[in-house]
Amino acid sequence: MAENTNNTGGGGGNTGLAFIVGAIVVVLAVVAWFVFARGGAPETKQIDVDVDLPEVSAPQVPGTGG
């Protein structure tokens, strides 16, 4: 008698691995698009802020004679 061997569920373990690898490829493609298609990192801008506040003096304390 000949034996019939059915391997219908033998390749199911690789499906999860293929899904994970595919997701990594998609994420890397999106990151590459943001880096290369948009001209790389945004340029830094020179920000120079000068704040000159008027001098504020406290009121005289009563009874100090000044």
PDB file of N, CA and C in Angstrom:
ATOM      1  N   MET A   1       0.820  -1.177   0.000  1.00  0.00           N
ATOM      2  CA  MET A   1       0.000   0.000   0.000  1.00  0.00           C
ATOM      3  C   MET A   1       0.867   1.245   0.000  1.00  0.00           C
ATOM      4  N   ALA A   2       0.441   2.204  -0.750  1.00  0.00           N
ATOM      5  CA  ALA A   2       1.165   3.479  -0.807  1.00  0.00           C
ATOM      6  C   ALA A   2       0.573   4.437   0.210  1.00  0.00           C
ATOM      7  N   GLU A   3       1.468   5.218   0.776  1.00  0.00           N
ATOM      8  CA  GLU A   3       1.018   6.199   1.777  1.00  0.00           C
ATOM      9  C   GLU A   3       0.794   7.547   1.129  1.00  0.00           C
ATOM     10  N   ASN A   4      -0.335   8.167   1.408  1.00  0.00           N
ATOM     11  CA  ASN A   4      -0.613   9.523   0.952  1.00  0.00           C
ATOM     12  C   ASN A   4      -0.302  10.493   2.091  1.00  0.00           C
ATOM     13  N   THR A   5       0.586  11.417   1.820  1.00  0.00           N
ATOM     14  CA  THR A   5       0.937  12.404   2.840  1.00  0.00           C
ATOM     15  C   THR A   5       0.444  13.760   2.370  1.00  0.00           C
ATOM     16  N   ASN A   6      -0.397  14.357   3.158  1.00  0.00           N
ATOM     17  CA  ASN A   6      -0.934  15.682   2.851  1.00  0.00           C
ATOM     18  C   ASN A   6      -0.278  16.713   3.755  1.00  0.00           C
ATOM     19  N   ASN A   7       0.412  17.672   3.181  1.00  0.00           N
ATOM     20  CA  ASN A   7       1.031  18.757   3.950  1.00  0.00           C
ATOM     21  C   ASN A   7       0.309  20.070   3.620  1.00  0.00           C
ATOM     22  N   THR A   8      -0.878  20.199   4.116  1.00  0.00           N
ATOM     23  CA  THR A   8      -1.641  21.408   3.787  1.00  0.00           C
ATOM     24  C   THR A   8      -1.302  22.565   4.723  1.00  0.00           C
ATOM     25  N   GLY A   9      -0.848  22.299   5.919  1.00  0.00           N
ATOM     26  CA  GLY A   9      -0.587  23.382   6.875  1.00  0.00           C
ATOM     27  C   GLY A   9       0.876  23.555   7.190  1.00  0.00           C
ATOM     28  N   GLY A  10       1.765  23.140   6.330  1.00  0.00           N
ATOM     29  CA  GLY A  10       3.185  23.170   6.632  1.00  0.00           C
ATOM     30  C   GLY A  10       3.844  24.533   6.496  1.00  0.00           C
ATOM     31  N   GLY A  11       3.315  25.436   5.683  1.00  0.00           N
ATOM     32  CA  GLY A  11       3.996  26.700   5.430  1.00  0.00           C
ATOM     33  C   GLY A  11       3.400  27.878   6.173  1.00  0.00           C
ATOM     34  N   GLY A  12       2.592  27.649   7.175  1.00  0.00           N
ATOM     35  CA  GLY A  12       1.912  28.735   7.878  1.00  0.00           C
ATOM     36  C   GLY A  12       2.824  29.554   8.762  1.00  0.00           C
ATOM     37  N   GLY A  13       3.952  29.024   9.168  1.00  0.00           N
ATOM     38  CA  GLY A  13       4.847  29.758  10.057  1.00  0.00           C
ATOM     39  C   GLY A  13       5.563  30.907   9.377  1.00  0.00           C
ATOM     40  N   ASN A  14       5.739  30.824   8.089  1.00  0.00           N
ATOM     41  CA  ASN A  14       6.446  31.873   7.361  1.00  0.00           C
ATOM     42  C   ASN A  14       5.560  33.062   7.019  1.00  0.00           C
ATOM     43  N   THR A  15       4.261  32.904   7.139  1.00  0.00           N
ATOM     44  CA  THR A  15       3.347  33.995   6.807  1.00  0.00           C
ATOM     45  C   THR A  15       3.511  35.156   7.784  1.00  0.00           C
ATOM     46  N   GLY A  16       3.635  34.856   9.046  1.00  0.00           N
ATOM     47  CA  GLY A  16       3.840  35.922  10.044  1.00  0.00           C
ATOM     48  C   GLY A  16       5.158  36.630   9.844  1.00  0.00           C
ATOM     49  N   LEU A  17       6.195  35.901   9.534  1.00  0.00           N
ATOM     50  CA  LEU A  17       7.506  36.499   9.287  1.00  0.00           C
ATOM     51  C   LEU A  17       7.472  37.382   8.045  1.00  0.00           C
ATOM     52  N   ALA A  18       6.786  36.941   7.008  1.00  0.00           N
ATOM     53  CA  ALA A  18       6.668  37.751   5.793  1.00  0.00           C
ATOM     54  C   ALA A  18       5.891  39.033   6.070  1.00  0.00           C
ATOM     55  N   PHE A  19       4.881  38.973   6.896  1.00  0.00           N
ATOM     56  CA  PHE A  19       4.113  40.161   7.248  1.00  0.00           C
ATOM     57  C   PHE A  19       4.974  41.159   8.009  1.00  0.00           C
ATOM     58  N   ILE A  20       5.780  40.678   8.952  1.00  0.00           N
ATOM     59  CA  ILE A  20       6.659  41.560   9.733  1.00  0.00           C
ATOM     60  C   ILE A  20       7.715  42.207   8.828  1.00  0.00           C
ATOM     61  N   VAL A  21       8.326  41.430   7.960  1.00  0.00           N
ATOM     62  CA  VAL A  21       9.332  41.967   7.038  1.00  0.00           C
ATOM     63  C   VAL A  21       8.698  42.982   6.088  1.00  0.00           C
ATOM     64  N   GLY A  22       7.504  42.709   5.618  1.00  0.00           N
ATOM     65  CA  GLY A  22       6.799  43.649   4.751  1.00  0.00           C
ATOM     66  C   GLY A  22       6.479  44.957   5.459  1.00  0.00           C
ATOM     67  N   ALA A  23       6.077  44.882   6.726  1.00  0.00           N
ATOM     68  CA  ALA A  23       5.791  46.092   7.495  1.00  0.00           C
ATOM     69  C   ALA A  23       7.060  46.917   7.701  1.00  0.00           C
ATOM     70  N   ILE A  24       8.189  46.264   7.944  1.00  0.00           N
ATOM     71  CA  ILE A  24       9.461  46.978   8.109  1.00  0.00           C
ATOM     72  C   ILE A  24       9.856  47.672   6.810  1.00  0.00           C
ATOM     73  N   VAL A  25       9.650  47.007   5.690  1.00  0.00           N
ATOM     74  CA  VAL A  25       9.976  47.606   4.392  1.00  0.00           C
ATOM     75  C   VAL A  25       9.113  48.841   4.140  1.00  0.00           C
ATOM     76  N   VAL A  26       7.839  48.777   4.479  1.00  0.00           N
ATOM     77  CA  VAL A  26       6.949  49.926   4.285  1.00  0.00           C
ATOM     78  C   VAL A  26       7.368  51.089   5.173  1.00  0.00           C
ATOM     79  N   VAL A  27       7.700  50.818   6.424  1.00  0.00           N
ATOM     80  CA  VAL A  27       8.127  51.883   7.340  1.00  0.00           C
ATOM     81  C   VAL A  27       9.418  52.526   6.831  1.00  0.00           C
ATOM     82  N   LEU A  28      10.367  51.738   6.388  1.00  0.00           N
ATOM     83  CA  LEU A  28      11.610  52.295   5.858  1.00  0.00           C
ATOM     84  C   LEU A  28      11.371  53.110   4.593  1.00  0.00           C
ATOM     85  N   ALA A  29      10.428  52.697   3.766  1.00  0.00           N
ATOM     86  CA  ALA A  29      10.111  53.461   2.559  1.00  0.00           C
ATOM     87  C   ALA A  29       9.510  54.817   2.915  1.00  0.00           C
ATOM     88  N   VAL A  30       8.648  54.860   3.918  1.00  0.00           N
ATOM     89  CA  VAL A  30       8.054  56.132   4.350  1.00  0.00           C
ATOM     90  C   VAL A  30       9.119  57.047   4.934  1.00  0.00           C
ATOM     91  N   VAL A  31      10.009  56.514   5.745  1.00  0.00           N
ATOM     92  CA  VAL A  31      11.092  57.323   6.314  1.00  0.00           C
ATOM     93  C   VAL A  31      12.002  57.845   5.213  1.00  0.00           C
ATOM     94  N   ALA A  32      12.335  57.013   4.248  1.00  0.00           N
ATOM     95  CA  ALA A  32      13.189  57.442   3.141  1.00  0.00           C
ATOM     96  C   ALA A  32      12.512  58.544   2.335  1.00  0.00           C
ATOM     97  N   TRP A  33      11.206  58.455   2.150  1.00  0.00           N
ATOM     98  CA  TRP A  33      10.508  59.496   1.402  1.00  0.00           C
ATOM     99  C   TRP A  33      10.583  60.831   2.144  1.00  0.00           C
ATOM    100  N   PHE A  34      10.382  60.807   3.461  1.00  0.00           N
ATOM    101  CA  PHE A  34      10.457  62.050   4.227  1.00  0.00           C
ATOM    102  C   PHE A  34      11.857  62.642   4.199  1.00  0.00           C
ATOM    103  N   VAL A  35      12.875  61.806   4.209  1.00  0.00           N
ATOM    104  CA  VAL A  35      14.249  62.306   4.249  1.00  0.00           C
ATOM    105  C   VAL A  35      14.697  62.797   2.876  1.00  0.00           C
ATOM    106  N   PHE A  36      14.469  62.019   1.842  1.00  0.00           N
ATOM    107  CA  PHE A  36      15.032  62.340   0.528  1.00  0.00           C
ATOM    108  C   PHE A  36      14.109  63.205  -0.332  1.00  0.00           C
ATOM    109  N   ALA A  37      12.831  62.949  -0.331  1.00  0.00           N
ATOM    110  CA  ALA A  37      11.919  63.687  -1.202  1.00  0.00           C
ATOM    111  C   ALA A  37      11.676  65.103  -0.704  1.00  0.00           C
ATOM    112  N   ARG A  38      11.803  65.325   0.563  1.00  0.00           N
ATOM    113  CA  ARG A  38      11.569  66.652   1.121  1.00  0.00           C
ATOM    114  C   ARG A  38      12.846  67.441   1.312  1.00  0.00           C
ATOM    115  N   GLY A  39      13.944  66.976   0.786  1.00  0.00           N
ATOM    116  CA  GLY A  39      15.180  67.739   0.839  1.00  0.00           C
ATOM    117  C   GLY A  39      16.006  67.508   2.096  1.00  0.00           C
ATOM    118  N   GLY A  40      15.808  66.428   2.780  1.00  0.00           N
ATOM    119  CA  GLY A  40      16.617  66.124   3.961  1.00  0.00           C
ATOM    120  C   GLY A  40      16.111  66.824   5.198  1.00  0.00           C
ATOM    121  N   ALA A  41      17.007  67.033   6.123  1.00  0.00           N
ATOM    122  CA  ALA A  41      16.649  67.668   7.392  1.00  0.00           C
ATOM    123  C   ALA A  41      16.332  69.143   7.161  1.00  0.00           C
ATOM    124  N   PRO A  42      15.405  69.677   7.924  1.00  0.00           N
ATOM    125  CA  PRO A  42      15.091  71.101   7.758  1.00  0.00           C
ATOM    126  C   PRO A  42      16.272  71.966   8.169  1.00  0.00           C
ATOM    127  N   GLU A  43      16.428  73.062   7.449  1.00  0.00           N
ATOM    128  CA  GLU A  43      17.563  73.942   7.749  1.00  0.00           C
ATOM    129  C   GLU A  43      17.305  74.700   9.043  1.00  0.00           C
ATOM    130  N   THR A  44      18.368  74.943   9.757  1.00  0.00           N
ATOM    131  CA  THR A  44      18.238  75.676  11.011  1.00  0.00           C
ATOM    132  C   THR A  44      18.160  77.158  10.721  1.00  0.00           C
ATOM    133  N   LYS A  45      17.366  77.856  11.496  1.00  0.00           N
ATOM    134  CA  LYS A  45      17.202  79.286  11.306  1.00  0.00           C
ATOM    135  C   LYS A  45      17.850  80.017  12.474  1.00  0.00           C
ATOM    136  N   GLN A  46      18.459  81.156  12.168  1.00  0.00           N
ATOM    137  CA  GLN A  46      19.093  81.980  13.191  1.00  0.00           C
ATOM    138  C   GLN A  46      18.007  82.801  13.879  1.00  0.00           C
ATOM    139  N   ILE A  47      17.853  82.600  15.161  1.00  0.00           N
ATOM    140  CA  ILE A  47      16.866  83.343  15.934  1.00  0.00           C
ATOM    141  C   ILE A  47      17.624  84.185  16.944  1.00  0.00           C
ATOM    142  N   ASP A  48      17.463  85.496  16.837  1.00  0.00           N
ATOM    143  CA  ASP A  48      18.139  86.420  17.743  1.00  0.00           C
ATOM    144  C   ASP A  48      17.079  87.305  18.383  1.00  0.00           C
ATOM    145  N   VAL A  49      16.886  87.132  19.668  1.00  0.00           N
ATOM    146  CA  VAL A  49      15.866  87.884  20.385  1.00  0.00           C
ATOM    147  C   VAL A  49      16.557  88.783  21.392  1.00  0.00           C
ATOM    148  N   ASP A  50      16.216  90.067  21.350  1.00  0.00           N
ATOM    149  CA  ASP A  50      16.774  91.038  22.297  1.00  0.00           C
ATOM    150  C   ASP A  50      15.609  91.658  23.057  1.00  0.00           C
ATOM    151  N   VAL A  51      15.581  91.430  24.354  1.00  0.00           N
ATOM    152  CA  VAL A  51      14.484  91.947  25.173  1.00  0.00           C
ATOM    153  C   VAL A  51      15.041  93.025  26.091  1.00  0.00           C
ATOM    154  N   ASP A  52      14.597  94.257  25.871  1.00  0.00           N
ATOM    155  CA  ASP A  52      14.986  95.381  26.718  1.00  0.00           C
ATOM    156  C   ASP A  52      13.761  95.840  27.496  1.00  0.00           C
ATOM    157  N   LEU A  53      13.775  95.578  28.782  1.00  0.00           N
ATOM    158  CA  LEU A  53      12.658  95.985  29.624  1.00  0.00           C
ATOM    159  C   LEU A  53      13.015  97.271  30.347  1.00  0.00           C
ATOM    160  N   PRO A  54      12.032  98.147  30.553  1.00  0.00           N
ATOM    161  CA  PRO A  54      12.319  99.368  31.307  1.00  0.00           C
ATOM    162  C   PRO A  54      12.613  99.030  32.770  1.00  0.00           C
ATOM    163  N   GLU A  55      13.431  99.842  33.384  1.00  0.00           N
ATOM    164  CA  GLU A  55      13.771  99.605  34.782  1.00  0.00           C
ATOM    165  C   GLU A  55      12.556  99.941  35.650  1.00  0.00           C
ATOM    166  N   VAL A  56      12.259  99.023  36.525  1.00  0.00           N
ATOM    167  CA  VAL A  56      11.107  99.194  37.417  1.00  0.00           C
ATOM    168  C   VAL A  56      11.639  99.241  38.832  1.00  0.00           C
ATOM    169  N   SER A  57      11.301 100.308  39.562  1.00  0.00           N
ATOM    170  CA  SER A  57      11.755 100.405  40.947  1.00  0.00           C
ATOM    171  C   SER A  57      10.553 100.225  41.872  1.00  0.00           C
ATOM    172  N   ALA A  58      10.817  99.622  43.003  1.00  0.00           N
ATOM    173  CA  ALA A  58       9.763  99.381  43.979  1.00  0.00           C
ATOM    174  C   ALA A  58       9.418 100.691  44.687  1.00  0.00           C
ATOM    175  N   PRO A  59       8.201 100.838  45.132  1.00  0.00           N
ATOM    176  CA  PRO A  59       7.834 102.052  45.859  1.00  0.00           C
ATOM    177  C   PRO A  59       8.572 102.133  47.207  1.00  0.00           C
ATOM    178  N   GLN A  60       8.718 103.332  47.709  1.00  0.00           N
ATOM    179  CA  GLN A  60       9.413 103.546  48.972  1.00  0.00           C
ATOM    180  C   GLN A  60       8.592 102.932  50.126  1.00  0.00           C
ATOM    181  N   VAL A  61       9.327 102.334  51.055  1.00  0.00           N
ATOM    182  CA  VAL A  61       8.687 101.764  52.234  1.00  0.00           C
ATOM    183  C   VAL A  61       8.403 102.917  53.209  1.00  0.00           C
ATOM    184  N   PRO A  62       7.165 103.050  53.686  1.00  0.00           N
ATOM    185  CA  PRO A  62       6.859 104.155  54.608  1.00  0.00           C
ATOM    186  C   PRO A  62       7.672 104.053  55.898  1.00  0.00           C
ATOM    187  N   GLY A  63       8.144 105.207  56.376  1.00  0.00           N
ATOM    188  CA  GLY A  63       8.870 105.259  57.638  1.00  0.00           C
ATOM    189  C   GLY A  63      10.350 105.052  57.515  1.00  0.00           C
ATOM    190  N   THR A  64      10.915 104.919  56.315  1.00  0.00           N
ATOM    191  CA  THR A  64      12.358 104.730  56.204  1.00  0.00           C
ATOM    192  C   THR A  64      13.051 106.068  55.965  1.00  0.00           C
ATOM    193  N   GLY A  65      12.324 107.110  55.680  1.00  0.00           N
ATOM    194  CA  GLY A  65      12.905 108.428  55.504  1.00  0.00           C
ATOM    195  C   GLY A  65      13.534 108.627  54.149  1.00  0.00           C
ATOM    196  N   GLY A  66      13.325 107.813  53.233  1.00  0.00           N
ATOM    197  CA  GLY A  66      14.011 107.971  51.978  1.00  0.00           C
ATOM    198  C   GLY A  66      13.094 108.281  50.918  1.00  0.00           C
TER     199      GLY A  66
END
